[in-house]
Amino acid sequence: MTQFKDKASKQETVWSGLLVYPVLQAADILIYKADTVPVGEDQVQHIELTREIARRFNHLFGETFPEPQALLNPEAPRVPGIDGKAKMSKSLGNTIGLLEPEERIWQKIQHLPDDPQRIRLSDPGDPERTVVFTYLSYFAPRSWWRPLRRSTGRRGWGRMW
């Protein structure tokens, strides 16, 4: 699995959690007999492992689990973290939790990185290079964020709304 290779190459030792996590994730999916699982493109390999485990279990013990299919959102293939450097990951501490208090979420949103090409206040901004517009494009209706995107390049630093 590519995620294992990537994470293992950055560590001196490999913890058992890194080895068993994909199997635990497969168990979570199979226990609910899910036939479709919404995932990001980086999680497709975990769904393939889950399918293999389901096939093997069904072969040994009879038809018990469906082979789940990955449901990918082409509009949101990979959600970037709030640091703007990597995908959103609890282990990297760059997440926004759905159940976090509203004030904590707003604190995180207010510190999202801006367009790195925009150095001076007079420089035009490109919303396509900001994390906040990436999030808006994933979760807000287009009718809401498209007009905002057109006007934001003319605003000052930190002036989104």
Protein backbone atom coordinates (compact mmCIF):
# COMPACT_ATOMS: atom_id res chain seq x y z
CA MET A 1 0.00 0.00 0.00
CA THR A 2 1.45 3.31 -1.05
CA GLN A 3 0.48 5.15 2.15
CA PHE A 4 2.36 2.57 4.21
CA LYS A 5 5.47 2.96 2.09
CA ASP A 6 5.27 6.75 2.30
CA LYS A 7 4.80 6.87 6.07
CA ALA A 8 7.26 4.06 6.81
CA SER A 9 10.00 5.79 4.82
CA LYS A 10 9.69 8.85 7.10
CA GLN A 11 10.06 6.88 10.34
CA GLU A 12 12.92 5.07 11.98
CA THR A 13 10.64 2.28 13.19
CA VAL A 14 7.23 1.19 11.97
CA TRP A 15 4.52 1.02 14.61
CA SER A 16 1.96 -1.79 14.56
CA GLY A 17 -0.85 0.75 14.16
CA LEU A 18 0.44 1.58 10.71
CA LEU A 19 0.27 -2.10 9.79
CA VAL A 20 -3.15 -2.93 11.24
CA TYR A 21 -4.99 0.31 10.39
CA PRO A 22 -6.07 -0.84 6.90
CA VAL A 23 -7.49 -4.07 8.33
CA LEU A 24 -9.35 -2.17 11.07
CA GLN A 25 -10.76 0.19 8.46
CA ALA A 26 -11.88 -2.83 6.41
CA ALA A 27 -13.56 -4.29 9.51
CA ASP A 28 -15.40 -1.00 10.10
CA ILE A 29 -16.73 -1.08 6.55
CA LEU A 30 -17.62 -4.78 6.51
CA ILE A 31 -19.34 -4.88 9.89
CA TYR A 32 -22.00 -2.51 8.54
CA LYS A 33 -22.20 -4.44 5.26
CA ALA A 34 -21.69 -1.25 3.29
CA ASP A 35 -21.95 -1.65 -0.45
CA THR A 36 -20.73 1.87 -1.26
CA VAL A 37 -18.16 3.90 0.67
CA PRO A 38 -17.49 7.61 0.00
CA VAL A 39 -13.72 8.09 -0.04
CA GLY A 40 -11.04 10.37 -1.39
CA GLU A 41 -8.76 9.17 -4.16
CA ASP A 42 -6.04 8.33 -1.63
CA GLN A 43 -8.33 5.84 0.12
CA VAL A 44 -9.28 3.73 -2.91
CA GLN A 45 -6.51 1.25 -2.10
CA HIS A 46 -8.13 0.66 1.31
CA ILE A 47 -11.43 -0.14 -0.36
CA GLU A 48 -9.63 -2.60 -2.64
CA LEU A 49 -8.14 -4.31 0.43
CA THR A 50 -11.61 -4.40 1.99
CA ARG A 51 -12.97 -6.04 -1.15
CA GLU A 52 -10.22 -8.68 -1.03
CA ILE A 53 -10.94 -9.42 2.63
CA ALA A 54 -14.68 -9.70 1.89
CA ARG A 55 -14.01 -12.08 -1.04
CA ARG A 56 -11.75 -14.29 1.08
CA PHE A 57 -14.17 -14.34 4.02
CA ASN A 58 -17.12 -15.14 1.73
CA HIS A 59 -15.13 -17.93 0.07
CA LEU A 60 -14.31 -19.54 3.44
CA PHE A 61 -17.58 -18.98 5.31
CA GLY A 62 -20.26 -18.38 2.69
CA GLU A 63 -21.77 -15.17 1.34
CA THR A 64 -21.69 -12.80 4.30
CA PHE A 65 -20.32 -9.45 3.18
CA PRO A 66 -20.91 -7.40 0.04
CA GLU A 67 -17.84 -6.20 -1.83
CA PRO A 68 -17.99 -2.44 -1.28
CA GLN A 69 -17.46 0.02 -4.11
CA ALA A 70 -15.59 3.30 -3.70
CA LEU A 71 -17.71 6.39 -4.26
CA LEU A 72 -15.46 9.19 -5.45
CA ASN A 73 -16.49 12.81 -5.71
CA PRO A 74 -14.76 14.19 -8.82
CA GLU A 75 -15.27 17.71 -7.45
CA ALA A 76 -13.37 16.87 -4.24
CA PRO A 77 -10.70 14.24 -4.96
CA ARG A 78 -8.47 15.19 -2.03
CA VAL A 79 -9.23 17.67 0.75
CA PRO A 80 -6.20 19.82 1.62
CA GLY A 81 -5.30 20.41 5.24
CA ILE A 82 -5.68 23.78 6.91
CA ASP A 83 -1.94 24.34 6.57
CA GLY A 84 -2.28 24.24 2.78
CA LYS A 85 0.71 21.89 2.49
CA ALA A 86 -0.71 18.39 2.64
CA LYS A 87 -3.99 16.50 2.60
CA MET A 88 -6.18 16.85 5.65
CA SER A 89 -4.97 14.38 8.26
CA LYS A 90 -5.50 13.99 12.00
CA SER A 91 -1.95 12.71 12.38
CA LEU A 92 -0.64 15.96 10.84
CA GLY A 93 -2.93 18.09 13.01
CA ASN A 94 -4.26 20.03 10.01
CA THR A 95 -7.97 19.20 10.25
CA ILE A 96 -11.28 20.89 10.91
CA GLY A 97 -13.43 18.55 12.95
CA LEU A 98 -17.12 18.40 12.08
CA LEU A 99 -18.03 18.30 15.77
CA GLU A 100 -15.63 21.02 16.91
CA PRO A 101 -17.14 24.06 18.63
CA GLU A 102 -18.10 26.77 16.13
CA GLU A 103 -15.67 29.31 17.57
CA ARG A 104 -12.76 26.87 17.18
CA ILE A 105 -13.73 26.22 13.55
CA TRP A 106 -13.83 29.97 12.87
CA GLN A 107 -10.38 30.37 14.46
CA LYS A 108 -8.99 27.75 12.10
CA ILE A 109 -10.70 29.26 9.05
CA GLN A 110 -9.35 32.73 9.84
CA HIS A 111 -5.79 31.38 9.69
CA LEU A 112 -6.06 29.51 6.39
CA PRO A 113 -3.18 30.35 4.06
CA ASP A 114 -3.77 32.90 1.32
CA ASP A 115 -2.51 32.87 -2.26
CA PRO A 116 1.30 32.49 -1.93
CA GLN A 117 1.82 34.55 -5.09
CA ARG A 118 0.13 37.56 -3.50
CA ILE A 119 2.94 39.43 -1.78
CA ARG A 120 1.71 43.04 -1.76
CA LEU A 121 -1.73 44.34 -0.95
CA SER A 122 -1.96 45.74 -4.48
CA ASP A 123 -1.15 42.35 -6.06
CA PRO A 124 -4.19 40.62 -7.55
CA GLY A 125 -5.15 37.44 -5.72
CA ASP A 126 -6.05 34.16 -7.35
CA PRO A 127 -8.72 32.33 -5.34
CA GLU A 128 -7.82 29.07 -7.10
CA ARG A 129 -4.60 28.99 -5.05
CA THR A 130 -6.26 29.43 -1.65
CA VAL A 131 -7.41 26.72 0.72
CA VAL A 132 -10.62 28.54 1.64
CA PHE A 133 -11.85 28.59 -1.96
CA THR A 134 -10.95 24.94 -2.35
CA TYR A 135 -13.22 24.20 0.62
CA LEU A 136 -15.95 26.45 -0.74
CA SER A 137 -15.86 24.68 -4.09
CA TYR A 138 -16.29 21.33 -2.31
CA PHE A 139 -19.08 22.23 0.08
CA ALA A 140 -20.92 25.41 -0.95
CA PRO A 141 -23.28 25.83 -3.88
CA ARG A 142 -21.60 27.31 -6.96
CA SER A 143 -24.15 30.09 -7.09
CA TRP A 144 -22.83 31.25 -3.73
CA TRP A 145 -19.06 31.08 -4.17
CA ARG A 146 -18.56 31.97 -7.84
CA PRO A 147 -19.46 35.68 -7.46
CA LEU A 148 -17.30 35.81 -4.33
CA ARG A 149 -14.39 34.29 -6.24
CA ARG A 150 -14.60 36.99 -8.93
CA SER A 151 -14.47 39.83 -6.42
CA THR A 152 -11.95 38.45 -3.95
CA GLY A 153 -8.89 39.16 -6.12
CA ARG A 154 -9.57 42.87 -5.67
CA ARG A 155 -9.88 42.83 -1.88
CA GLY A 156 -7.16 43.46 0.69
CA TRP A 157 -5.40 40.82 2.73
CA GLY A 158 -7.69 38.90 5.02
CA ARG A 159 -10.78 40.50 3.43
CA MET A 160 -12.86 37.62 2.17
CA TRP A 161 -16.37 38.70 3.15
